N, C-alpha and C. Protein backbone atom coordinates (compact mmCIF):
# COMPACT_ATOMS: atom_id res chain seq x y z
N MET A 1 0.82 -1.16 0.00
CA MET A 1 -0.01 0.01 0.02
C MET A 1 0.88 1.23 0.01
N ASP A 2 0.49 2.22 -0.67
CA ASP A 2 1.26 3.43 -0.85
C ASP A 2 0.60 4.55 -0.08
N SER A 3 1.35 5.16 0.85
CA SER A 3 0.78 6.20 1.72
C SER A 3 0.45 7.47 0.93
N SER A 4 0.95 7.62 -0.28
CA SER A 4 0.61 8.79 -1.10
C SER A 4 -0.60 8.55 -1.96
N SER A 5 -1.11 7.32 -1.94
CA SER A 5 -2.27 6.97 -2.76
C SER A 5 -3.52 7.60 -2.24
N SER A 6 -4.45 7.88 -3.15
CA SER A 6 -5.78 8.39 -2.68
C SER A 6 -6.87 7.37 -2.91
N SER A 7 -6.48 6.14 -3.23
CA SER A 7 -7.50 5.08 -3.36
C SER A 7 -6.83 3.73 -3.01
N ALA A 8 -7.48 2.64 -3.32
CA ALA A 8 -6.89 1.32 -3.00
C ALA A 8 -5.61 1.11 -3.79
N PRO A 9 -4.66 0.31 -3.20
CA PRO A 9 -3.43 0.05 -3.91
C PRO A 9 -3.69 -0.78 -5.16
N PRO A 10 -2.72 -0.82 -6.12
CA PRO A 10 -2.92 -1.66 -7.31
C PRO A 10 -3.23 -3.12 -6.90
N PRO A 11 -4.03 -3.81 -7.70
CA PRO A 11 -4.48 -5.15 -7.34
C PRO A 11 -3.37 -6.17 -7.03
N SER A 12 -2.15 -5.95 -7.57
CA SER A 12 -1.07 -6.91 -7.31
C SER A 12 -0.38 -6.72 -5.98
N ASP A 13 -0.54 -5.54 -5.38
CA ASP A 13 0.12 -5.25 -4.08
C ASP A 13 -0.56 -6.02 -2.95
N PRO A 14 0.26 -6.50 -1.98
CA PRO A 14 -0.35 -7.10 -0.79
C PRO A 14 -1.25 -6.09 -0.11
N GLY A 15 -2.44 -6.58 0.23
CA GLY A 15 -3.39 -5.71 0.89
C GLY A 15 -4.43 -5.11 -0.03
N ALA A 16 -4.20 -5.23 -1.35
CA ALA A 16 -5.10 -4.61 -2.33
C ALA A 16 -6.44 -5.37 -2.44
N THR A 17 -6.40 -6.69 -2.22
CA THR A 17 -7.60 -7.49 -2.34
C THR A 17 -7.75 -8.47 -1.19
N ARG A 18 -8.93 -8.92 -1.01
CA ARG A 18 -9.17 -9.92 0.06
C ARG A 18 -8.36 -11.20 -0.16
N ASP A 19 -8.12 -11.54 -1.42
CA ASP A 19 -7.35 -12.74 -1.73
C ASP A 19 -5.85 -12.56 -1.61
N ASN A 20 -5.38 -11.33 -1.43
CA ASN A 20 -3.93 -11.07 -1.29
C ASN A 20 -3.75 -10.06 -0.14
N PRO A 21 -4.09 -10.49 1.09
CA PRO A 21 -3.95 -9.57 2.22
C PRO A 21 -2.51 -9.36 2.66
N VAL A 22 -2.28 -8.28 3.39
CA VAL A 22 -1.00 -8.09 4.04
C VAL A 22 -0.78 -9.21 5.03
N ALA A 23 0.35 -9.83 5.03
CA ALA A 23 0.63 -10.98 5.92
C ALA A 23 0.72 -10.52 7.37
N VAL A 24 0.34 -11.42 8.28
CA VAL A 24 0.51 -11.15 9.72
C VAL A 24 1.95 -10.79 10.00
N GLY A 25 2.14 -9.70 10.78
CA GLY A 25 3.50 -9.28 11.11
C GLY A 25 4.10 -8.33 10.13
N GLN A 26 3.45 -8.11 8.97
CA GLN A 26 3.91 -7.16 7.97
C GLN A 26 3.08 -5.90 8.08
N SER A 27 3.67 -4.76 7.72
CA SER A 27 2.93 -3.50 7.80
C SER A 27 2.30 -3.13 6.49
N GLY A 28 1.18 -2.49 6.59
CA GLY A 28 0.50 -1.86 5.46
C GLY A 28 0.43 -0.34 5.74
N ASP A 29 0.94 0.46 4.85
CA ASP A 29 0.99 1.90 5.02
C ASP A 29 -0.20 2.61 4.35
N PHE A 30 -0.81 3.47 5.13
CA PHE A 30 -1.93 4.29 4.65
C PHE A 30 -1.42 5.73 4.55
N LYS A 31 -2.36 6.67 4.57
CA LYS A 31 -1.97 8.09 4.47
C LYS A 31 -1.17 8.57 5.67
N THR A 32 -1.72 8.33 6.87
CA THR A 32 -1.07 8.80 8.08
C THR A 32 -0.75 7.68 9.08
N TRP A 33 -1.05 6.44 8.73
CA TRP A 33 -0.85 5.34 9.66
C TRP A 33 -0.18 4.17 8.94
N SER A 34 0.69 3.50 9.65
CA SER A 34 1.20 2.20 9.27
C SER A 34 0.53 1.19 10.21
N VAL A 35 -0.06 0.15 9.68
CA VAL A 35 -0.82 -0.80 10.48
C VAL A 35 -0.23 -2.17 10.33
N LYS A 36 -0.16 -2.92 11.44
CA LYS A 36 0.38 -4.29 11.44
C LYS A 36 -0.49 -5.12 12.39
N VAL A 37 -0.95 -6.28 11.93
CA VAL A 37 -1.61 -7.23 12.81
C VAL A 37 -0.53 -7.98 13.58
N VAL A 38 -0.57 -7.88 14.93
CA VAL A 38 0.47 -8.51 15.76
C VAL A 38 -0.15 -9.59 16.66
N GLY A 39 -1.45 -9.74 16.65
CA GLY A 39 -2.07 -10.75 17.46
C GLY A 39 -3.47 -11.03 17.00
N PHE A 40 -3.96 -12.27 17.23
CA PHE A 40 -5.30 -12.66 16.83
C PHE A 40 -5.82 -13.68 17.82
N THR A 41 -6.99 -13.43 18.37
CA THR A 41 -7.70 -14.37 19.23
C THR A 41 -8.98 -14.77 18.55
N PRO A 42 -9.04 -16.01 18.01
CA PRO A 42 -10.19 -16.44 17.23
C PRO A 42 -11.51 -16.61 18.01
N ASN A 43 -11.39 -16.80 19.33
CA ASN A 43 -12.59 -16.84 20.16
C ASN A 43 -12.27 -16.09 21.46
N ALA A 44 -12.77 -14.87 21.53
CA ALA A 44 -12.45 -13.97 22.63
C ALA A 44 -13.66 -13.74 23.52
N ASP A 45 -14.66 -14.64 23.47
CA ASP A 45 -15.88 -14.42 24.24
C ASP A 45 -15.59 -14.21 25.75
N ASP A 46 -14.80 -15.05 26.37
CA ASP A 46 -14.58 -14.97 27.79
C ASP A 46 -13.82 -13.67 28.14
N SER A 47 -12.77 -13.36 27.39
CA SER A 47 -11.97 -12.16 27.74
C SER A 47 -12.79 -10.89 27.57
N ILE A 48 -13.65 -10.81 26.56
CA ILE A 48 -14.45 -9.63 26.36
C ILE A 48 -15.55 -9.57 27.39
N HIS A 49 -16.17 -10.68 27.69
CA HIS A 49 -17.24 -10.72 28.71
C HIS A 49 -16.68 -10.31 30.09
N HIS A 50 -15.50 -10.77 30.41
CA HIS A 50 -14.90 -10.46 31.73
C HIS A 50 -14.28 -9.08 31.81
N GLU A 51 -14.04 -8.42 30.71
CA GLU A 51 -13.42 -7.11 30.68
C GLU A 51 -14.37 -6.05 31.29
N ASN A 52 -15.66 -6.21 31.09
CA ASN A 52 -16.62 -5.20 31.58
C ASN A 52 -17.93 -5.92 31.84
N MET A 53 -18.50 -5.68 33.03
CA MET A 53 -19.74 -6.36 33.38
C MET A 53 -20.90 -5.99 32.47
N PHE A 54 -20.81 -4.91 31.74
CA PHE A 54 -21.92 -4.50 30.87
C PHE A 54 -21.76 -5.02 29.45
N ASN A 55 -20.61 -5.67 29.14
CA ASN A 55 -20.44 -6.26 27.80
C ASN A 55 -21.44 -7.36 27.59
N ASP A 56 -22.03 -7.40 26.43
CA ASP A 56 -23.00 -8.44 26.09
C ASP A 56 -22.29 -9.74 25.75
N LYS A 57 -22.90 -10.84 26.12
CA LYS A 57 -22.43 -12.14 25.60
C LYS A 57 -22.93 -12.22 24.16
N PRO A 58 -22.19 -12.89 23.26
CA PRO A 58 -22.64 -12.97 21.90
C PRO A 58 -23.94 -13.78 21.80
N LYS A 59 -24.76 -13.40 20.82
CA LYS A 59 -25.99 -14.13 20.61
C LYS A 59 -25.66 -15.53 20.07
N PRO A 60 -26.58 -16.48 20.26
CA PRO A 60 -26.28 -17.86 19.79
C PRO A 60 -25.88 -17.87 18.31
N GLY A 61 -24.86 -18.67 18.02
CA GLY A 61 -24.34 -18.77 16.65
C GLY A 61 -23.27 -17.77 16.30
N TYR A 62 -22.88 -16.97 17.23
CA TYR A 62 -21.86 -15.92 17.00
C TYR A 62 -20.79 -15.98 18.09
N HIS A 63 -19.62 -15.42 17.79
CA HIS A 63 -18.59 -15.26 18.80
C HIS A 63 -17.73 -14.02 18.48
N TYR A 64 -17.05 -13.51 19.49
CA TYR A 64 -16.15 -12.38 19.33
C TYR A 64 -14.77 -12.86 18.90
N ILE A 65 -14.13 -12.05 18.07
CA ILE A 65 -12.70 -12.21 17.80
C ILE A 65 -12.00 -10.95 18.18
N LEU A 66 -10.76 -11.07 18.61
CA LEU A 66 -9.93 -9.90 18.92
C LEU A 66 -8.76 -9.85 17.98
N VAL A 67 -8.43 -8.66 17.50
CA VAL A 67 -7.25 -8.48 16.66
C VAL A 67 -6.40 -7.40 17.31
N GLU A 68 -5.14 -7.71 17.60
CA GLU A 68 -4.23 -6.75 18.19
C GLU A 68 -3.48 -6.06 17.03
N LEU A 69 -3.57 -4.73 16.99
CA LEU A 69 -2.97 -3.95 15.95
C LEU A 69 -1.83 -3.09 16.51
N LYS A 70 -0.75 -2.96 15.79
CA LYS A 70 0.30 -1.99 16.06
C LYS A 70 0.07 -0.87 15.03
N THR A 71 -0.23 0.32 15.52
CA THR A 71 -0.49 1.45 14.64
C THR A 71 0.59 2.50 14.86
N THR A 72 1.29 2.83 13.79
CA THR A 72 2.38 3.80 13.83
C THR A 72 1.97 5.03 13.07
N ASN A 73 2.13 6.19 13.71
CA ASN A 73 1.78 7.46 13.07
C ASN A 73 2.88 7.85 12.11
N ILE A 74 2.57 7.77 10.80
CA ILE A 74 3.55 8.18 9.78
C ILE A 74 3.19 9.56 9.18
N GLY A 75 2.27 10.21 9.83
CA GLY A 75 1.83 11.55 9.40
C GLY A 75 2.73 12.64 9.97
N LYS A 76 2.29 13.88 9.80
CA LYS A 76 3.09 15.00 10.23
C LYS A 76 2.57 15.68 11.50
N LYS A 77 1.47 15.19 12.04
CA LYS A 77 0.93 15.78 13.29
C LYS A 77 0.36 14.65 14.15
N SER A 78 0.22 14.95 15.43
CA SER A 78 -0.37 13.98 16.35
C SER A 78 -1.77 13.65 15.91
N SER A 79 -2.15 12.38 16.10
CA SER A 79 -3.47 11.95 15.69
C SER A 79 -3.87 10.71 16.46
N ASP A 80 -5.12 10.34 16.42
CA ASP A 80 -5.67 9.21 17.16
C ASP A 80 -6.06 8.11 16.19
N PRO A 81 -5.45 6.90 16.30
CA PRO A 81 -5.75 5.86 15.33
C PRO A 81 -7.22 5.40 15.43
N TYR A 82 -7.81 5.48 16.62
CA TYR A 82 -9.16 5.01 16.77
C TYR A 82 -10.16 5.88 15.93
N PHE A 83 -9.83 7.16 15.78
CA PHE A 83 -10.71 8.05 15.02
C PHE A 83 -10.32 8.13 13.54
N ASP A 84 -9.08 7.85 13.24
CA ASP A 84 -8.63 7.92 11.83
C ASP A 84 -8.87 6.60 11.05
N LEU A 85 -8.92 5.48 11.76
CA LEU A 85 -9.06 4.18 11.11
C LEU A 85 -10.40 3.56 11.44
N THR A 86 -10.97 2.84 10.47
CA THR A 86 -12.15 2.03 10.72
C THR A 86 -11.82 0.63 10.22
N TRP A 87 -12.55 -0.38 10.69
CA TRP A 87 -12.27 -1.71 10.33
C TRP A 87 -13.50 -2.55 10.36
N LYS A 88 -13.43 -3.66 9.61
CA LYS A 88 -14.47 -4.69 9.56
C LYS A 88 -13.75 -6.01 9.36
N CYS A 89 -14.38 -7.10 9.72
CA CYS A 89 -13.87 -8.42 9.38
C CYS A 89 -14.75 -8.91 8.22
N ILE A 90 -14.11 -9.57 7.28
CA ILE A 90 -14.83 -10.07 6.11
C ILE A 90 -14.47 -11.55 5.97
N ASP A 91 -15.49 -12.41 5.81
CA ASP A 91 -15.23 -13.83 5.67
C ASP A 91 -15.08 -14.21 4.22
N SER A 92 -14.82 -15.49 3.97
CA SER A 92 -14.55 -15.96 2.60
C SER A 92 -15.75 -15.82 1.68
N THR A 93 -16.95 -15.67 2.19
CA THR A 93 -18.13 -15.46 1.37
C THR A 93 -18.33 -13.98 1.02
N GLY A 94 -17.58 -13.10 1.67
CA GLY A 94 -17.75 -11.67 1.44
C GLY A 94 -18.62 -11.00 2.53
N ARG A 95 -19.14 -11.77 3.46
CA ARG A 95 -19.97 -11.23 4.52
C ARG A 95 -19.12 -10.35 5.44
N GLN A 96 -19.65 -9.17 5.77
CA GLN A 96 -18.93 -8.21 6.60
C GLN A 96 -19.43 -8.24 8.02
N TYR A 97 -18.49 -8.12 8.97
CA TYR A 97 -18.76 -8.05 10.41
C TYR A 97 -18.13 -6.80 10.98
N SER A 98 -18.89 -6.00 11.68
CA SER A 98 -18.41 -4.76 12.23
C SER A 98 -17.97 -4.86 13.68
N ASP A 99 -17.39 -3.78 14.15
CA ASP A 99 -16.96 -3.63 15.54
C ASP A 99 -18.21 -3.72 16.43
N PRO A 100 -18.21 -4.59 17.48
CA PRO A 100 -19.39 -4.73 18.30
C PRO A 100 -19.57 -3.67 19.36
N SER A 101 -18.65 -2.74 19.48
CA SER A 101 -18.75 -1.58 20.42
C SER A 101 -18.78 -2.07 21.87
N GLU A 102 -18.07 -3.14 22.19
CA GLU A 102 -17.91 -3.59 23.57
C GLU A 102 -16.60 -3.03 24.10
N VAL A 103 -16.47 -2.95 25.43
CA VAL A 103 -15.22 -2.56 26.06
C VAL A 103 -14.26 -3.75 25.92
N LEU A 104 -13.08 -3.48 25.39
CA LEU A 104 -12.13 -4.53 25.07
C LEU A 104 -10.91 -4.48 26.02
N PRO A 105 -10.25 -5.62 26.26
CA PRO A 105 -8.97 -5.55 26.91
C PRO A 105 -8.00 -4.82 25.96
N ASN A 106 -7.20 -3.94 26.52
CA ASN A 106 -6.21 -3.19 25.71
C ASN A 106 -6.87 -2.54 24.50
N ASP A 107 -7.98 -1.89 24.72
CA ASP A 107 -8.80 -1.28 23.66
C ASP A 107 -8.07 -0.20 22.91
N LEU A 108 -8.03 -0.29 21.58
CA LEU A 108 -7.39 0.73 20.77
C LEU A 108 -8.03 2.10 20.99
N SER A 109 -9.30 2.11 21.42
CA SER A 109 -10.00 3.39 21.63
C SER A 109 -9.37 4.19 22.74
N ASN A 110 -8.55 3.58 23.59
CA ASN A 110 -7.87 4.28 24.69
C ASN A 110 -6.53 4.90 24.28
N ALA A 111 -6.14 4.77 23.04
CA ALA A 111 -4.79 5.23 22.57
C ALA A 111 -4.61 6.68 22.75
N GLY A 112 -5.60 7.49 22.38
CA GLY A 112 -5.44 8.95 22.38
C GLY A 112 -4.54 9.39 21.28
N ASN A 113 -4.12 10.64 21.29
CA ASN A 113 -3.25 11.19 20.24
C ASN A 113 -1.86 10.58 20.34
N VAL A 114 -1.36 10.22 19.15
CA VAL A 114 -0.04 9.59 19.00
C VAL A 114 0.82 10.56 18.22
N PRO A 115 1.96 10.99 18.76
CA PRO A 115 2.85 11.89 18.06
C PRO A 115 3.43 11.25 16.79
N PRO A 116 3.82 12.05 15.77
CA PRO A 116 4.43 11.50 14.57
C PRO A 116 5.66 10.66 14.95
N GLY A 117 5.78 9.50 14.27
CA GLY A 117 6.92 8.60 14.53
C GLY A 117 6.72 7.68 15.69
N SER A 118 5.63 7.81 16.43
CA SER A 118 5.36 6.93 17.58
C SER A 118 4.29 5.91 17.23
N PHE A 119 4.17 4.91 18.08
CA PHE A 119 3.17 3.88 17.82
C PHE A 119 2.43 3.48 19.11
N VAL A 120 1.29 2.86 18.94
CA VAL A 120 0.54 2.24 20.02
C VAL A 120 0.03 0.89 19.53
N GLN A 121 -0.13 0.00 20.48
CA GLN A 121 -0.76 -1.30 20.17
C GLN A 121 -2.06 -1.36 20.96
N GLY A 122 -3.08 -1.91 20.26
CA GLY A 122 -4.38 -2.05 20.93
C GLY A 122 -5.25 -3.05 20.18
N ASP A 123 -6.30 -3.43 20.88
CA ASP A 123 -7.23 -4.42 20.34
C ASP A 123 -8.43 -3.77 19.63
N VAL A 124 -8.86 -4.42 18.54
CA VAL A 124 -10.14 -4.16 17.90
C VAL A 124 -10.87 -5.49 17.84
N ALA A 125 -12.15 -5.48 17.65
CA ALA A 125 -12.93 -6.72 17.70
C ALA A 125 -13.97 -6.76 16.61
N CYS A 126 -14.47 -7.97 16.34
CA CYS A 126 -15.61 -8.17 15.49
C CYS A 126 -16.46 -9.29 16.10
N LEU A 127 -17.75 -9.21 15.91
CA LEU A 127 -18.68 -10.25 16.32
C LEU A 127 -19.04 -11.01 15.04
N VAL A 128 -18.57 -12.28 14.96
CA VAL A 128 -18.69 -13.05 13.72
C VAL A 128 -19.53 -14.30 13.91
N LYS A 129 -20.08 -14.82 12.83
CA LYS A 129 -20.80 -16.09 12.90
C LYS A 129 -19.82 -17.22 13.21
N ASP A 130 -20.32 -18.21 13.99
CA ASP A 130 -19.51 -19.37 14.34
C ASP A 130 -18.98 -20.11 13.09
N SER A 131 -19.78 -20.06 12.05
CA SER A 131 -19.42 -20.77 10.79
C SER A 131 -18.52 -20.00 9.88
N SER A 132 -18.17 -18.78 10.24
CA SER A 132 -17.37 -17.96 9.35
C SER A 132 -15.96 -18.55 9.17
N GLU A 133 -15.45 -18.50 7.95
CA GLU A 133 -14.11 -19.00 7.62
C GLU A 133 -13.36 -17.99 6.81
N GLY A 134 -12.05 -18.09 6.83
CA GLY A 134 -11.20 -17.26 5.97
C GLY A 134 -11.31 -15.77 6.30
N LEU A 135 -11.43 -15.41 7.57
CA LEU A 135 -11.56 -14.02 7.96
C LEU A 135 -10.32 -13.18 7.64
N VAL A 136 -10.55 -11.99 7.16
CA VAL A 136 -9.51 -10.98 7.01
C VAL A 136 -10.01 -9.70 7.62
N LEU A 137 -9.08 -8.84 7.98
CA LEU A 137 -9.42 -7.52 8.54
C LEU A 137 -9.35 -6.50 7.39
N TYR A 138 -10.42 -5.78 7.22
CA TYR A 138 -10.46 -4.69 6.21
C TYR A 138 -10.33 -3.38 6.94
N VAL A 139 -9.34 -2.58 6.61
CA VAL A 139 -9.06 -1.31 7.27
C VAL A 139 -9.21 -0.18 6.29
N GLU A 140 -9.81 0.94 6.79
CA GLU A 140 -9.92 2.17 6.02
C GLU A 140 -9.27 3.28 6.80
N ASP A 141 -8.40 4.05 6.17
CA ASP A 141 -7.83 5.27 6.76
C ASP A 141 -8.69 6.44 6.26
N THR A 142 -9.48 6.96 7.17
CA THR A 142 -10.40 8.04 6.81
C THR A 142 -9.93 9.38 7.37
N SER A 143 -8.59 9.49 7.59
CA SER A 143 -8.05 10.73 8.21
C SER A 143 -8.17 11.95 7.32
N SER A 144 -8.41 11.77 6.04
CA SER A 144 -8.63 12.89 5.13
C SER A 144 -10.03 12.84 4.62
N PHE A 145 -10.74 14.00 4.66
CA PHE A 145 -12.06 14.01 4.17
C PHE A 145 -12.17 13.89 2.67
N SER A 146 -11.08 14.10 1.96
CA SER A 146 -11.11 14.06 0.47
C SER A 146 -10.91 12.69 -0.09
N SER A 147 -10.28 11.76 0.67
CA SER A 147 -10.03 10.41 0.11
C SER A 147 -9.90 9.41 1.26
N THR A 148 -10.15 8.19 0.92
CA THR A 148 -10.02 7.07 1.87
C THR A 148 -9.06 6.07 1.25
N VAL A 149 -8.12 5.56 2.05
CA VAL A 149 -7.20 4.52 1.61
C VAL A 149 -7.61 3.22 2.35
N THR A 150 -7.63 2.13 1.64
CA THR A 150 -8.10 0.87 2.24
C THR A 150 -7.07 -0.25 2.09
N GLY A 151 -7.21 -1.26 2.87
CA GLY A 151 -6.33 -2.46 2.77
C GLY A 151 -6.91 -3.64 3.53
N PHE A 152 -6.53 -4.82 3.08
CA PHE A 152 -6.90 -6.08 3.69
C PHE A 152 -5.70 -6.68 4.43
N PHE A 153 -5.96 -7.25 5.62
CA PHE A 153 -4.93 -7.82 6.45
C PHE A 153 -5.28 -9.27 6.84
N ALA A 154 -4.31 -10.19 6.69
CA ALA A 154 -4.53 -11.56 7.10
C ALA A 154 -4.56 -11.58 8.64
N LEU A 155 -5.32 -12.53 9.17
CA LEU A 155 -5.45 -12.68 10.63
C LEU A 155 -4.66 -13.89 11.14
N LYS A 156 -4.34 -14.82 10.29
CA LYS A 156 -3.52 -15.95 10.69
C LYS A 156 -2.79 -16.54 9.50
C-alpha cells in the first residue's frame, strides 16, 4: 500500500484485495498510519465478557474475535488511530462483520493522540458467525475528508 495513494493500492500489491492480504506481522501503510496485525484471538468471548460487566455475551451462533494492531503514526501531526481508522472483518463469502462496540482488553480506543513517529498497540474486535471461515481484517484510513485509503490484512 502506498501512503501517497488516494485510493486502493494496485491489485497486485499485498493488501489490495481480500485474496492477497498483508501478511500477519507485515505493515501496510496508509496516508497517516502504518498498520500491522500482531495478534489474533479467534474466540475472545470470555476475555471480552470479563473485561466489563456490561459487555453483552454474543448471541447464539456468533462469537467475538480480537485483533491486536500496532499502529504507527507516519503523518506530520499527532493523531488518534481510533478516530482515523475504521475496520471490519470479512469472511470468505464476502460477509462483513463490524466492531461490536464492547469494552475490550487493551482497547485501541484508549490510545489517544499519538505523536508522529510513535506507535501504540491495541485491540479491535468483530462479532462473527461461528461458521465464518477465511476471515480478513479490512481497514480504512479516513483521516482525510477528501479520500480514503483501504487495505486487507490476514489474521492468521
